[in-house]
Amino acid sequence: MHGGLRGNLSETFKYQLALSLLYKPKLKNQGEFMGTKIGKEKIKREPGYLYYLGKDGYVWAAPMKNNKGGKKKKVGTEKIAREKGFLYYLGKDGYVGKAKMKNA
């Protein structure tokens, strides 16, 4: 009797697992930005650089530790107005985005 019950639970679990893998609910902004895309200028990334939005509102590229010959340089021509309580970043697609910080 216990073996049959365990077998049914196992089949139910397998069925639920298969459904969860097949019909994953799409999360908001999944595969896109974690926040809101605000930049209109696309910036091409180069390997060995860290990209950030400077205090002046422009996108800058700073060399990483493994990039010995690189120099800090301004890479964007679009000026972004900063708002308090937001994190600004360069997304994978090359556009500037912003995300609300929880504890700011």
C-alpha atoms as a PDB file:
ATOM      1  CA  MET A   1       0.000   0.000   0.000  1.00  0.00           C
ATOM      2  CA  HIS A   2       2.818   2.409   0.815  1.00  0.00           C
ATOM      3  CA  GLY A   3       4.632   1.580  -2.396  1.00  0.00           C
ATOM      4  CA  GLY A   4       1.575   2.495  -4.486  1.00  0.00           C
ATOM      5  CA  LEU A   5       1.143   5.793  -2.670  1.00  0.00           C
ATOM      6  CA  ARG A   6       4.793   6.651  -3.103  1.00  0.00           C
ATOM      7  CA  GLY A   7       4.534   5.773  -6.789  1.00  0.00           C
ATOM      8  CA  ASN A   8       1.575   8.148  -7.251  1.00  0.00           C
ATOM      9  CA  LEU A   9       3.383  10.996  -5.502  1.00  0.00           C
ATOM     10  CA  SER A  10       6.408  10.402  -7.654  1.00  0.00           C
ATOM     11  CA  GLU A  11       4.334  10.512 -10.859  1.00  0.00           C
ATOM     12  CA  THR A  12       2.544  13.664  -9.669  1.00  0.00           C
ATOM     13  CA  PHE A  13       5.863  15.309  -8.872  1.00  0.00           C
ATOM     14  CA  LYS A  14       7.263  14.378 -12.278  1.00  0.00           C
ATOM     15  CA  TYR A  15       4.164  15.789 -13.978  1.00  0.00           C
ATOM     16  CA  GLN A  16       4.353  19.075 -12.021  1.00  0.00           C
ATOM     17  CA  LEU A  17       8.085  19.380 -12.724  1.00  0.00           C
ATOM     18  CA  ALA A  18       7.518  18.844 -16.444  1.00  0.00           C
ATOM     19  CA  LEU A  19       4.738  21.468 -16.459  1.00  0.00           C
ATOM     20  CA  SER A  20       6.873  23.981 -14.587  1.00  0.00           C
ATOM     21  CA  LEU A  21       9.704  23.529 -17.094  1.00  0.00           C
ATOM     22  CA  LEU A  22       7.428  23.769 -20.122  1.00  0.00           C
ATOM     23  CA  TYR A  23       5.210  26.626 -18.983  1.00  0.00           C
ATOM     24  CA  LYS A  24       7.542  28.958 -17.120  1.00  0.00           C
ATOM     25  CA  PRO A  25       5.795  32.251 -16.465  1.00  0.00           C
ATOM     26  CA  LYS A  26       7.691  35.086 -18.117  1.00  0.00           C
ATOM     27  CA  LEU A  27       8.940  37.540 -15.538  1.00  0.00           C
ATOM     28  CA  LYS A  28       8.658  41.275 -16.093  1.00  0.00           C
ATOM     29  CA  ASN A  29      11.615  42.484 -18.208  1.00  0.00           C
ATOM     30  CA  GLN A  30      13.086  38.974 -18.371  1.00  0.00           C
ATOM     31  CA  GLY A  31      16.103  38.977 -20.643  1.00  0.00           C
ATOM     32  CA  GLU A  32      15.983  42.740 -20.958  1.00  0.00           C
ATOM     33  CA  PHE A  33      16.871  45.467 -18.504  1.00  0.00           C
ATOM     34  CA  MET A  34      16.463  45.057 -14.771  1.00  0.00           C
ATOM     35  CA  GLY A  35      15.072  48.609 -14.765  1.00  0.00           C
ATOM     36  CA  THR A  36      14.070  51.148 -17.377  1.00  0.00           C
ATOM     37  CA  LYS A  37      15.939  51.899 -20.592  1.00  0.00           C
ATOM     38  CA  ILE A  38      16.577  55.660 -20.668  1.00  0.00           C
ATOM     39  CA  GLY A  39      19.431  56.147 -23.135  1.00  0.00           C
ATOM     40  CA  LYS A  40      18.889  56.762 -26.826  1.00  0.00           C
ATOM     41  CA  GLU A  41      22.521  56.358 -27.882  1.00  0.00           C
ATOM     42  CA  LYS A  42      23.901  52.845 -28.431  1.00  0.00           C
ATOM     43  CA  ILE A  43      27.408  52.398 -27.039  1.00  0.00           C
ATOM     44  CA  LYS A  44      29.692  49.686 -28.396  1.00  0.00           C
ATOM     45  CA  ARG A  45      31.542  47.819 -25.664  1.00  0.00           C
ATOM     46  CA  GLU A  46      35.222  46.954 -25.843  1.00  0.00           C
ATOM     47  CA  PRO A  47      36.721  44.066 -23.860  1.00  0.00           C
ATOM     48  CA  GLY A  48      38.841  45.071 -20.862  1.00  0.00           C
ATOM     49  CA  TYR A  49      36.790  48.138 -19.905  1.00  0.00           C
ATOM     50  CA  LEU A  50      34.250  48.845 -17.160  1.00  0.00           C
ATOM     51  CA  TYR A  51      31.420  51.166 -18.240  1.00  0.00           C
ATOM     52  CA  TYR A  52      29.634  53.567 -15.899  1.00  0.00           C
ATOM     53  CA  LEU A  53      27.653  56.793 -15.872  1.00  0.00           C
ATOM     54  CA  GLY A  54      29.861  59.552 -14.486  1.00  0.00           C
ATOM     55  CA  LYS A  55      28.799  62.419 -12.239  1.00  0.00           C
ATOM     56  CA  ASP A  56      28.849  64.658 -15.316  1.00  0.00           C
ATOM     57  CA  GLY A  57      26.050  62.557 -16.893  1.00  0.00           C
ATOM     58  CA  TYR A  58      28.137  60.952 -19.669  1.00  0.00           C
ATOM     59  CA  VAL A  59      29.092  57.288 -20.099  1.00  0.00           C
ATOM     60  CA  TRP A  60      32.749  56.593 -19.314  1.00  0.00           C
ATOM     61  CA  ALA A  61      34.965  53.548 -19.913  1.00  0.00           C
ATOM     62  CA  ALA A  62      37.631  52.768 -17.320  1.00  0.00           C
ATOM     63  CA  PRO A  63      40.254  50.062 -17.924  1.00  0.00           C
ATOM     64  CA  MET A  64      40.001  46.929 -15.800  1.00  0.00           C
ATOM     65  CA  LYS A  65      42.986  45.632 -13.876  1.00  0.00           C
ATOM     66  CA  ASN A  66      43.933  43.206 -16.658  1.00  0.00           C
ATOM     67  CA  ASN A  67      43.956  46.034 -19.256  1.00  0.00           C
ATOM     68  CA  LYS A  68      47.326  47.652 -18.473  1.00  0.00           C
ATOM     69  CA  GLY A  69      47.560  49.937 -21.526  1.00  0.00           C
ATOM     70  CA  GLY A  70      44.029  51.370 -21.360  1.00  0.00           C
ATOM     71  CA  LYS A  71      43.121  54.903 -20.302  1.00  0.00           C
ATOM     72  CA  LYS A  72      39.882  56.261 -18.869  1.00  0.00           C
ATOM     73  CA  LYS A  73      37.806  57.812 -21.660  1.00  0.00           C
ATOM     74  CA  LYS A  74      34.403  59.333 -22.308  1.00  0.00           C
ATOM     75  CA  VAL A  75      32.526  57.104 -24.761  1.00  0.00           C
ATOM     76  CA  GLY A  76      29.051  58.624 -24.951  1.00  0.00           C
ATOM     77  CA  THR A  77      27.870  61.957 -26.329  1.00  0.00           C
ATOM     78  CA  GLU A  78      24.407  61.803 -24.737  1.00  0.00           C
ATOM     79  CA  LYS A  79      24.068  63.529 -21.345  1.00  0.00           C
ATOM     80  CA  ILE A  80      21.831  61.676 -18.889  1.00  0.00           C
ATOM     81  CA  ALA A  81      20.143  63.609 -16.062  1.00  0.00           C
ATOM     82  CA  ARG A  82      20.586  61.690 -12.799  1.00  0.00           C
ATOM     83  CA  GLU A  83      17.836  61.201 -10.217  1.00  0.00           C
ATOM     84  CA  LYS A  84      18.408  60.419  -6.565  1.00  0.00           C
ATOM     85  CA  GLY A  85      17.666  56.822  -5.549  1.00  0.00           C
ATOM     86  CA  PHE A  86      18.476  55.193  -8.900  1.00  0.00           C
ATOM     87  CA  LEU A  87      21.333  52.985 -10.079  1.00  0.00           C
ATOM     88  CA  TYR A  88      22.557  53.761 -13.611  1.00  0.00           C
ATOM     89  CA  TYR A  89      24.239  51.134 -15.789  1.00  0.00           C
ATOM     90  CA  LEU A  90      25.063  50.205 -19.373  1.00  0.00           C
ATOM     91  CA  GLY A  91      22.941  47.242 -20.457  1.00  0.00           C
ATOM     92  CA  LYS A  92      24.063  44.319 -22.578  1.00  0.00           C
ATOM     93  CA  ASP A  93      22.403  45.878 -25.608  1.00  0.00           C
ATOM     94  CA  GLY A  94      24.516  49.055 -25.241  1.00  0.00           C
ATOM     95  CA  TYR A  95      21.881  51.462 -23.900  1.00  0.00           C
ATOM     96  CA  VAL A  96      21.906  53.248 -20.535  1.00  0.00           C
ATOM     97  CA  GLY A  97      19.319  52.037 -18.054  1.00  0.00           C
ATOM     98  CA  LYS A  98      18.254  52.933 -14.545  1.00  0.00           C
ATOM     99  CA  ALA A  99      16.886  50.822 -11.701  1.00  0.00           C
ATOM    100  CA  LYS A 100      15.324  51.961  -8.438  1.00  0.00           C
ATOM    101  CA  MET A 101      17.473  51.167  -5.410  1.00  0.00           C
ATOM    102  CA  LYS A 102      15.610  49.669  -2.450  1.00  0.00           C
ATOM    103  CA  ASN A 103      17.406  51.389   0.408  1.00  0.00           C
ATOM    104  CA  ALA A 104      18.037  54.773  -1.148  1.00  0.00           C
END
